[in-house]
N, C-alpha and C. Protein backbone atom coordinates (compact mmCIF):
# COMPACT_ATOMS: atom_id res chain seq x y z
N MET A 1 32.23 18.84 18.63
CA MET A 1 31.95 19.67 17.01
C MET A 1 30.27 18.74 16.89
N ARG A 2 31.17 17.17 16.46
CA ARG A 2 29.59 16.47 16.38
C ARG A 2 28.66 16.06 16.89
N GLN A 3 28.92 16.74 18.60
CA GLN A 3 27.33 16.97 19.78
C GLN A 3 26.23 18.33 19.06
N LEU A 4 28.01 19.36 18.69
CA LEU A 4 26.57 20.64 18.27
C LEU A 4 25.78 20.18 16.59
N LEU A 5 26.73 18.98 16.56
CA LEU A 5 25.50 18.95 14.88
C LEU A 5 24.53 18.24 15.14
N VAL A 6 24.13 17.26 16.21
CA VAL A 6 23.26 16.16 16.20
C VAL A 6 22.58 17.15 16.64
N ALA A 7 22.96 17.66 18.22
CA ALA A 7 22.03 18.65 18.60
C ALA A 7 21.23 19.83 17.14
N LEU A 8 21.56 20.03 16.33
CA LEU A 8 21.60 21.44 16.40
C LEU A 8 20.02 20.26 14.33
N THR A 9 20.80 19.28 14.64
CA THR A 9 20.28 18.37 13.24
C THR A 9 18.71 17.99 14.30
N VAL A 10 19.12 18.03 14.99
CA VAL A 10 17.31 17.46 16.18
C VAL A 10 16.95 18.69 16.24
N GLY A 11 17.45 19.73 16.54
CA GLY A 11 16.06 20.59 16.75
C GLY A 11 15.88 21.69 15.85
N LEU A 12 16.85 21.39 14.87
CA LEU A 12 16.24 21.56 13.06
C LEU A 12 14.92 21.12 12.64
N GLY A 13 14.60 19.69 13.01
CA GLY A 13 13.54 18.39 12.70
C GLY A 13 12.26 18.65 13.93
N LEU A 14 13.03 19.37 15.27
CA LEU A 14 11.53 18.98 15.77
C LEU A 14 11.22 21.21 15.98
N LEU A 15 11.45 21.48 14.87
CA LEU A 15 10.68 23.41 14.60
C LEU A 15 10.31 23.03 13.17
N ALA A 16 10.71 21.70 12.73
CA ALA A 16 9.87 22.21 10.50
C ALA A 16 8.53 21.32 11.11
N GLY A 17 8.75 20.00 12.24
CA GLY A 17 7.36 19.42 12.62
C GLY A 17 6.58 20.58 13.44
N CYS A 18 6.78 22.03 14.09
CA CYS A 18 6.01 23.03 14.16
C CYS A 18 5.67 23.79 12.83
N ALA A 19 6.51 22.94 12.61
CA ALA A 19 6.00 24.82 11.59
C ALA A 19 4.57 24.50 10.66
N PRO A 20 4.23 25.83 10.57
CA PRO A 20 2.00 25.93 10.36
C PRO A 20 2.61 25.94 8.85
N ARG A 21 1.26 23.99 8.48
CA ARG A 21 1.15 23.93 7.10
C ARG A 21 0.84 24.77 6.03
N ALA A 22 1.07 24.82 4.85
CA ALA A 22 0.36 25.85 3.93
C ALA A 22 -0.63 25.27 3.92
N THR A 23 -1.58 26.54 3.71
CA THR A 23 -2.49 26.22 3.94
C THR A 23 -3.14 27.08 1.99
N ARG A 24 -4.75 25.89 1.85
CA ARG A 24 -5.44 26.73 0.73
C ARG A 24 -5.48 28.03 0.43
N PRO A 25 -5.93 28.52 -0.71
CA PRO A 25 -6.34 29.56 -1.44
C PRO A 25 -7.53 29.89 -0.67
N THR A 26 -8.14 30.66 -0.41
CA THR A 26 -9.73 30.69 0.00
C THR A 26 -10.47 31.62 -1.67
N ALA A 27 -11.22 31.03 -1.95
CA ALA A 27 -11.96 31.49 -3.21
C ALA A 27 -11.86 33.18 -3.62
N ASP A 28 -11.02 34.53 -2.66
CA ASP A 28 -11.09 35.68 -3.41
C ASP A 28 -9.47 35.74 -3.71
N ASP A 29 -8.80 34.80 -2.58
CA ASP A 29 -7.02 34.50 -3.98
C ASP A 29 -7.32 34.20 -5.17
N GLU A 30 -8.09 33.01 -5.96
CA GLU A 30 -8.08 32.21 -6.78
C GLU A 30 -8.04 32.89 -7.71
N LYS A 31 -7.48 32.83 -9.19
CA LYS A 31 -7.71 33.60 -10.56
C LYS A 31 -9.55 33.47 -10.13
N PRO A 32 -10.02 34.64 -10.91
CA PRO A 32 -11.45 34.43 -11.77
C PRO A 32 -11.55 33.57 -13.26
N ASP A 33 -10.40 33.60 -13.80
CA ASP A 33 -10.76 33.15 -15.14
C ASP A 33 -10.12 31.27 -15.56
N ARG A 34 -10.13 31.08 -13.68
CA ARG A 34 -9.57 28.94 -13.99
C ARG A 34 -10.03 28.39 -12.93
N GLU A 35 -10.89 27.23 -13.34
CA GLU A 35 -11.41 26.60 -12.36
C GLU A 35 -11.16 25.47 -11.60
N VAL A 36 -11.34 26.33 -10.10
CA VAL A 36 -10.36 25.02 -9.18
C VAL A 36 -11.31 23.45 -8.52
N VAL A 37 -10.78 22.22 -9.14
CA VAL A 37 -11.63 21.11 -8.20
C VAL A 37 -10.43 20.75 -7.55
N ARG A 38 -12.14 21.09 -7.26
CA ARG A 38 -11.69 19.78 -5.70
C ARG A 38 -12.27 18.58 -4.92
N PRO A 39 -11.11 18.06 -4.98
CA PRO A 39 -11.63 16.23 -4.50
C PRO A 39 -12.92 16.22 -4.02
N ASP A 40 -13.84 15.28 -4.25
CA ASP A 40 -14.41 14.47 -3.61
C ASP A 40 -14.25 14.26 -2.24
N LYS A 41 -15.06 14.61 -1.05
CA LYS A 41 -14.80 14.26 0.30
C LYS A 41 -14.91 12.16 0.89
N SER A 42 -16.57 12.40 0.11
CA SER A 42 -17.38 11.16 0.04
C SER A 42 -16.26 10.54 -0.56
N PRO A 43 -16.17 9.17 0.02
CA PRO A 43 -15.71 7.96 -0.33
C PRO A 43 -17.31 7.19 -1.51
N PRO A 44 -15.81 6.20 -2.30
CA PRO A 44 -16.95 6.10 -3.37
C PRO A 44 -17.78 4.92 -2.93
N ALA A 45 -18.37 5.62 -4.30
CA ALA A 45 -20.16 4.33 -4.41
C ALA A 45 -19.61 3.13 -4.39
N ARG A 46 -19.78 1.46 -3.79
CA ARG A 46 -18.95 0.84 -3.99
C ARG A 46 -20.49 -0.53 -4.18
N GLY A 47 -21.04 -0.13 -3.52
CA GLY A 47 -22.42 -1.04 -3.08
C GLY A 47 -22.38 -1.66 -2.16
N TRP A 48 -20.99 -1.77 -1.89
CA TRP A 48 -21.04 -3.10 -0.65
C TRP A 48 -19.86 -3.11 0.64
N LEU A 49 -19.89 -3.36 1.72
CA LEU A 49 -19.22 -3.40 2.58
C LEU A 49 -17.60 -3.38 2.92
N GLU A 50 -17.32 -4.86 2.73
CA GLU A 50 -16.75 -5.17 3.09
C GLU A 50 -16.04 -6.72 1.69
N GLU A 51 -15.14 -6.90 2.12
CA GLU A 51 -14.40 -7.77 0.84
C GLU A 51 -13.63 -8.59 1.94
N GLY A 52 -13.61 -9.73 1.95
CA GLY A 52 -12.24 -10.75 2.55
C GLY A 52 -12.80 -11.99 2.58
N LEU A 53 -12.59 -12.76 3.41
CA LEU A 53 -13.02 -13.85 4.03
C LEU A 53 -13.87 -14.90 4.81
N ALA A 54 -14.93 -15.24 4.41
CA ALA A 54 -15.77 -15.58 5.62
C ALA A 54 -14.82 -17.20 6.01
N SER A 55 -15.09 -17.12 7.42
CA SER A 55 -14.90 -18.31 8.35
C SER A 55 -16.27 -18.73 8.83
N TYR A 56 -16.44 -19.91 9.22
CA TYR A 56 -17.32 -20.43 10.20
C TYR A 56 -17.74 -21.06 11.55
N TYR A 57 -18.11 -20.32 12.21
CA TYR A 57 -18.19 -21.42 13.67
C TYR A 57 -18.62 -22.97 13.68
N GLY A 58 -17.34 -23.71 14.45
CA GLY A 58 -18.23 -25.30 14.50
C GLY A 58 -19.28 -25.37 15.40
N PRO A 59 -19.89 -26.92 15.28
CA PRO A 59 -21.01 -26.84 16.35
C PRO A 59 -20.65 -27.27 17.55
N GLY A 60 -19.14 -26.96 17.74
CA GLY A 60 -18.80 -27.25 18.81
C GLY A 60 -19.21 -25.91 20.42
N LEU A 61 -19.67 -24.68 19.83
CA LEU A 61 -19.81 -23.63 19.96
C LEU A 61 -21.01 -23.68 20.27
N ALA A 62 -21.67 -24.61 20.60
CA ALA A 62 -23.26 -24.18 20.82
C ALA A 62 -23.57 -24.02 21.52
N GLY A 63 -25.11 -22.96 21.81
CA GLY A 63 -24.85 -23.00 23.54
C GLY A 63 -24.82 -21.58 23.88
N ARG A 64 -23.47 -21.59 23.57
CA ARG A 64 -22.42 -20.69 24.82
C ARG A 64 -22.54 -19.30 24.52
N PRO A 65 -22.93 -18.02 24.91
CA PRO A 65 -23.34 -17.53 25.08
C PRO A 65 -22.38 -16.37 24.04
N THR A 66 -22.27 -15.73 23.25
CA THR A 66 -22.36 -15.03 22.06
C THR A 66 -22.10 -13.23 23.00
N ALA A 67 -21.04 -12.68 22.06
CA ALA A 67 -20.95 -11.15 22.02
C ALA A 67 -22.20 -10.05 22.88
N SER A 68 -23.60 -10.72 22.39
CA SER A 68 -24.56 -10.13 22.42
C SER A 68 -26.09 -10.21 23.61
N GLY A 69 -24.74 -11.54 24.01
CA GLY A 69 -25.56 -12.24 24.95
C GLY A 69 -26.49 -13.65 24.82
N GLU A 70 -27.10 -13.56 24.20
CA GLU A 70 -27.92 -14.62 23.33
C GLU A 70 -26.92 -15.07 23.08
N LYS A 71 -27.90 -17.03 23.18
CA LYS A 71 -26.94 -18.77 22.83
C LYS A 71 -27.25 -18.48 21.47
N PHE A 72 -25.40 -19.12 21.20
CA PHE A 72 -25.58 -19.21 19.76
C PHE A 72 -25.90 -20.41 19.56
N ASN A 73 -26.67 -20.62 18.46
CA ASN A 73 -27.53 -21.37 17.82
C ASN A 73 -27.14 -22.08 16.38
N PRO A 74 -25.98 -22.89 15.72
CA PRO A 74 -25.66 -23.22 15.24
C PRO A 74 -26.24 -23.61 13.77
N GLN A 75 -27.71 -23.72 14.23
CA GLN A 75 -28.66 -24.09 13.04
C GLN A 75 -29.20 -22.27 12.63
N LYS A 76 -29.21 -21.15 13.41
CA LYS A 76 -29.64 -19.36 12.93
C LYS A 76 -29.11 -19.01 11.77
N LEU A 77 -29.36 -18.17 11.09
CA LEU A 77 -28.31 -17.09 10.20
C LEU A 77 -27.90 -16.46 11.10
N THR A 78 -26.65 -16.66 11.56
CA THR A 78 -26.49 -15.60 12.40
C THR A 78 -24.82 -15.09 11.98
N ALA A 79 -24.18 -14.37 12.32
CA ALA A 79 -22.71 -14.67 12.02
C ALA A 79 -21.89 -13.24 13.32
N ALA A 80 -20.72 -13.42 13.33
CA ALA A 80 -19.93 -11.96 13.56
C ALA A 80 -19.22 -11.33 13.01
N HIS A 81 -19.88 -9.96 12.51
CA HIS A 81 -18.41 -9.39 12.72
C HIS A 81 -17.70 -7.96 13.90
N LYS A 82 -16.51 -7.46 12.84
CA LYS A 82 -15.71 -6.74 14.18
C LYS A 82 -17.06 -5.72 14.76
N LYS A 83 -17.58 -4.27 13.74
CA LYS A 83 -17.80 -3.29 14.32
C LYS A 83 -19.13 -3.44 14.39
N LEU A 84 -19.82 -3.61 13.59
CA LEU A 84 -20.98 -3.11 12.12
C LEU A 84 -22.21 -3.78 14.16
N PRO A 85 -23.74 -2.76 14.04
CA PRO A 85 -24.15 -3.56 15.40
C PRO A 85 -24.96 -4.25 15.81
N PHE A 86 -25.17 -5.25 16.59
CA PHE A 86 -25.56 -6.55 17.29
C PHE A 86 -27.22 -6.13 16.60
N GLY A 87 -27.07 -6.61 15.86
CA GLY A 87 -29.03 -6.93 14.84
C GLY A 87 -28.75 -6.43 13.92
N ALA A 88 -27.41 -5.57 13.44
CA ALA A 88 -27.48 -6.57 12.05
C ALA A 88 -27.94 -6.79 11.11
N CYS A 89 -27.88 -6.64 9.81
CA CYS A 89 -28.99 -8.15 8.81
C CYS A 89 -27.16 -7.13 7.70
N LEU A 90 -27.04 -8.63 7.27
CA LEU A 90 -26.20 -8.71 6.89
C LEU A 90 -26.21 -9.72 5.30
N ARG A 91 -25.76 -9.31 4.49
CA ARG A 91 -26.39 -10.70 2.63
C ARG A 91 -24.57 -10.74 3.01
N VAL A 92 -24.11 -11.33 2.97
CA VAL A 92 -22.76 -12.87 2.70
C VAL A 92 -22.68 -12.96 1.52
N VAL A 93 -22.17 -12.72 -0.07
CA VAL A 93 -21.93 -13.48 -1.10
C VAL A 93 -20.58 -14.31 -0.99
N ASN A 94 -20.80 -15.45 -1.06
CA ASN A 94 -19.61 -16.48 -1.48
C ASN A 94 -19.62 -16.00 -3.55
N MET A 95 -17.59 -15.37 -3.37
CA MET A 95 -17.37 -14.55 -4.84
C MET A 95 -16.60 -15.96 -5.44
N GLU A 96 -17.10 -16.90 -4.70
CA GLU A 96 -15.98 -18.10 -5.54
C GLU A 96 -17.42 -18.70 -6.56
N ASN A 97 -18.57 -18.82 -6.19
CA ASN A 97 -19.91 -20.31 -6.81
C ASN A 97 -20.88 -19.02 -6.91
N GLY A 98 -20.80 -17.65 -6.24
CA GLY A 98 -22.43 -16.56 -6.38
C GLY A 98 -24.03 -16.97 -5.41
N ARG A 99 -23.05 -18.39 -4.64
CA ARG A 99 -24.15 -17.84 -3.83
C ARG A 99 -24.08 -16.99 -1.98
N SER A 100 -26.07 -17.13 -2.15
CA SER A 100 -25.45 -15.74 -0.85
C SER A 100 -26.75 -15.91 0.37
N VAL A 101 -26.54 -15.04 1.55
CA VAL A 101 -27.61 -15.88 2.31
C VAL A 101 -27.27 -14.29 3.35
N GLU A 102 -29.04 -14.19 4.02
CA GLU A 102 -28.83 -13.53 4.60
C GLU A 102 -28.61 -13.82 5.83
N VAL A 103 -27.48 -13.00 7.54
CA VAL A 103 -27.59 -13.82 7.83
C VAL A 103 -27.55 -11.69 9.82
N ARG A 104 -27.91 -12.70 10.65
CA ARG A 104 -27.84 -10.75 11.53
C ARG A 104 -26.91 -10.97 12.26
N VAL A 105 -26.27 -9.91 12.78
CA VAL A 105 -25.14 -9.86 13.74
C VAL A 105 -25.21 -10.04 14.58
N ASN A 106 -24.42 -11.20 16.17
CA ASN A 106 -24.82 -11.09 16.58
C ASN A 106 -24.28 -11.34 18.20
N ASP A 107 -23.18 -11.13 16.73
CA ASP A 107 -21.02 -11.62 18.03
C ASP A 107 -20.20 -10.98 17.31
N ARG A 108 -18.63 -10.91 17.97
CA ARG A 108 -17.81 -9.68 17.71
C ARG A 108 -17.03 -11.10 17.04
N GLY A 109 -15.79 -10.52 16.46
CA GLY A 109 -15.00 -11.31 15.65
C GLY A 109 -15.46 -11.00 13.40
N PRO A 110 -14.34 -11.79 13.89
CA PRO A 110 -13.67 -12.74 13.67
C PRO A 110 -12.34 -11.70 13.77
N PHE A 111 -11.08 -12.63 14.83
CA PHE A 111 -9.96 -11.85 15.61
C PHE A 111 -9.23 -12.37 14.55
N VAL A 112 -8.89 -12.69 13.09
CA VAL A 112 -7.91 -13.49 12.47
C VAL A 112 -7.46 -12.78 11.54
N LYS A 113 -6.91 -12.48 11.39
CA LYS A 113 -6.03 -11.22 9.41
C LYS A 113 -5.98 -11.99 8.45
N GLY A 114 -7.42 -10.34 8.06
CA GLY A 114 -7.88 -11.09 6.81
C GLY A 114 -8.87 -11.42 6.71
N ARG A 115 -9.68 -11.68 7.69
CA ARG A 115 -11.51 -12.69 8.12
C ARG A 115 -11.56 -11.23 8.75
N VAL A 116 -13.22 -11.49 7.73
CA VAL A 116 -14.36 -9.84 7.76
C VAL A 116 -15.61 -10.47 8.16
N VAL A 117 -16.11 -11.97 8.24
CA VAL A 117 -17.03 -12.39 9.12
C VAL A 117 -16.49 -14.01 9.30
N ASP A 118 -17.38 -14.11 10.79
CA ASP A 118 -17.70 -15.46 10.68
C ASP A 118 -19.25 -15.36 10.68
N VAL A 119 -19.38 -16.79 10.06
CA VAL A 119 -20.88 -17.33 10.21
C VAL A 119 -21.53 -18.48 10.64
N SER A 120 -23.02 -18.45 10.79
CA SER A 120 -23.12 -20.03 11.67
C SER A 120 -23.18 -21.43 10.27
N LEU A 121 -23.38 -22.33 11.35
CA LEU A 121 -23.06 -23.42 9.70
C LEU A 121 -24.01 -23.50 9.14
N ALA A 122 -25.65 -22.98 9.49
CA ALA A 122 -26.64 -23.32 8.43
C ALA A 122 -26.12 -22.01 7.59
N ALA A 123 -25.37 -20.73 8.10
CA ALA A 123 -25.43 -19.75 6.87
C ALA A 123 -24.43 -20.40 6.00
N ALA A 124 -23.11 -21.17 6.94
CA ALA A 124 -21.80 -22.08 5.86
C ALA A 124 -22.24 -22.50 4.59
N LYS A 125 -23.55 -23.52 5.34
CA LYS A 125 -24.82 -24.99 4.16
C LYS A 125 -25.21 -24.16 3.04
N GLN A 126 -25.23 -23.16 3.31
CA GLN A 126 -26.14 -21.93 1.82
C GLN A 126 -25.19 -21.11 1.23
N LEU A 127 -23.67 -20.95 1.71
CA LEU A 127 -22.76 -20.74 1.43
C LEU A 127 -21.68 -21.53 0.12
N GLY A 128 -22.44 -22.42 0.90
CA GLY A 128 -21.35 -23.31 -0.22
C GLY A 128 -19.90 -24.01 0.26
N MET A 129 -19.67 -23.34 1.95
CA MET A 129 -18.43 -23.12 2.07
C MET A 129 -18.11 -23.86 3.13
N LEU A 130 -18.36 -25.15 2.93
CA LEU A 130 -18.17 -26.23 4.35
C LEU A 130 -17.25 -27.02 3.94
N ASP A 131 -17.16 -27.81 3.07
CA ASP A 131 -15.89 -28.51 2.56
C ASP A 131 -14.61 -28.07 2.67
N LYS A 132 -14.30 -26.61 2.04
CA LYS A 132 -12.85 -25.88 1.95
C LYS A 132 -12.91 -25.15 3.99
N GLY A 133 -14.01 -24.25 4.47
CA GLY A 133 -13.43 -24.20 5.52
C GLY A 133 -14.32 -22.14 5.64
N LEU A 134 -12.94 -21.56 4.29
CA LEU A 134 -13.29 -20.47 4.43
C LEU A 134 -14.02 -20.36 3.17
N ALA A 135 -13.74 -19.03 2.32
CA ALA A 135 -14.38 -18.21 1.54
C ALA A 135 -14.23 -16.51 1.39
N ARG A 136 -13.82 -16.17 -0.15
CA ARG A 136 -14.03 -15.05 -0.20
C ARG A 136 -15.46 -14.79 -0.53
N VAL A 137 -15.53 -13.16 0.37
CA VAL A 137 -16.87 -12.79 0.50
C VAL A 137 -17.09 -11.64 0.21
N ARG A 138 -17.82 -10.87 -0.27
CA ARG A 138 -18.24 -8.85 -0.02
C ARG A 138 -19.41 -9.27 0.90
N LEU A 139 -19.81 -8.61 2.05
CA LEU A 139 -20.66 -8.28 2.57
C LEU A 139 -21.21 -6.81 2.27
N TYR A 140 -23.19 -7.19 2.34
CA TYR A 140 -23.65 -6.14 1.53
C TYR A 140 -24.90 -5.79 2.54
N ARG A 141 -24.95 -5.46 2.83
CA ARG A 141 -26.51 -4.50 3.34
C ARG A 141 -27.20 -5.12 3.03
N CYS A 142 -28.44 -5.24 4.14
CA CYS A 142 -29.43 -6.34 3.22
C CYS A 142 -30.46 -5.10 2.90
N ALA A 143 -30.72 -5.81 1.74
CA ALA A 143 -32.39 -4.48 1.34
C ALA A 143 -33.30 -4.58 1.99
N ASP A 144 -33.42 -3.24 1.74
CA ASP A 144 -34.64 -2.86 2.89
C ASP A 144 -36.33 -3.73 2.43
N LYS A 145 -36.62 -3.99 2.89
CA LYS A 145 -38.06 -5.13 3.08
C LYS A 145 -38.84 -4.01 3.31
N THR A 146 -39.34 -3.37 3.13
CA THR A 146 -39.85 -1.82 4.36
C THR A 146 -41.18 -2.09 2.58
N GLY A 147 -41.72 -1.20 2.62
CA GLY A 147 -42.76 -0.70 2.11
C GLY A 147 -42.33 -1.29 0.42
């Protein structure tokens, strides 16, 4: 009896998973005297791309190849990001002191939970994050400098 009850429960669970979902009414089905408000599918316009922790590369990595193939130079304003294309320009803003720097993505990373970008030593100096090693930052696209 118990096996039959378990089998019946599992079977009903599987059938429920295959059941069609309720459909939204079409414009023809809606009552003409009420306005239907549908949620906007676009993401919120917040202006910034990401927020989280930034860390910086130590000078011990100088000369080693980055994921883009170029050699890492700690004196250049470069950064590592998990997904943005190589060559993308980012404005990194230190939310603790308001300082910012523009960097070019040339590597992949960081691969530590909560971190959104690794910046070069030169960028870390401009952000004022050398003492702590980490800083809470927001990432923005660089302003278009054409025309």
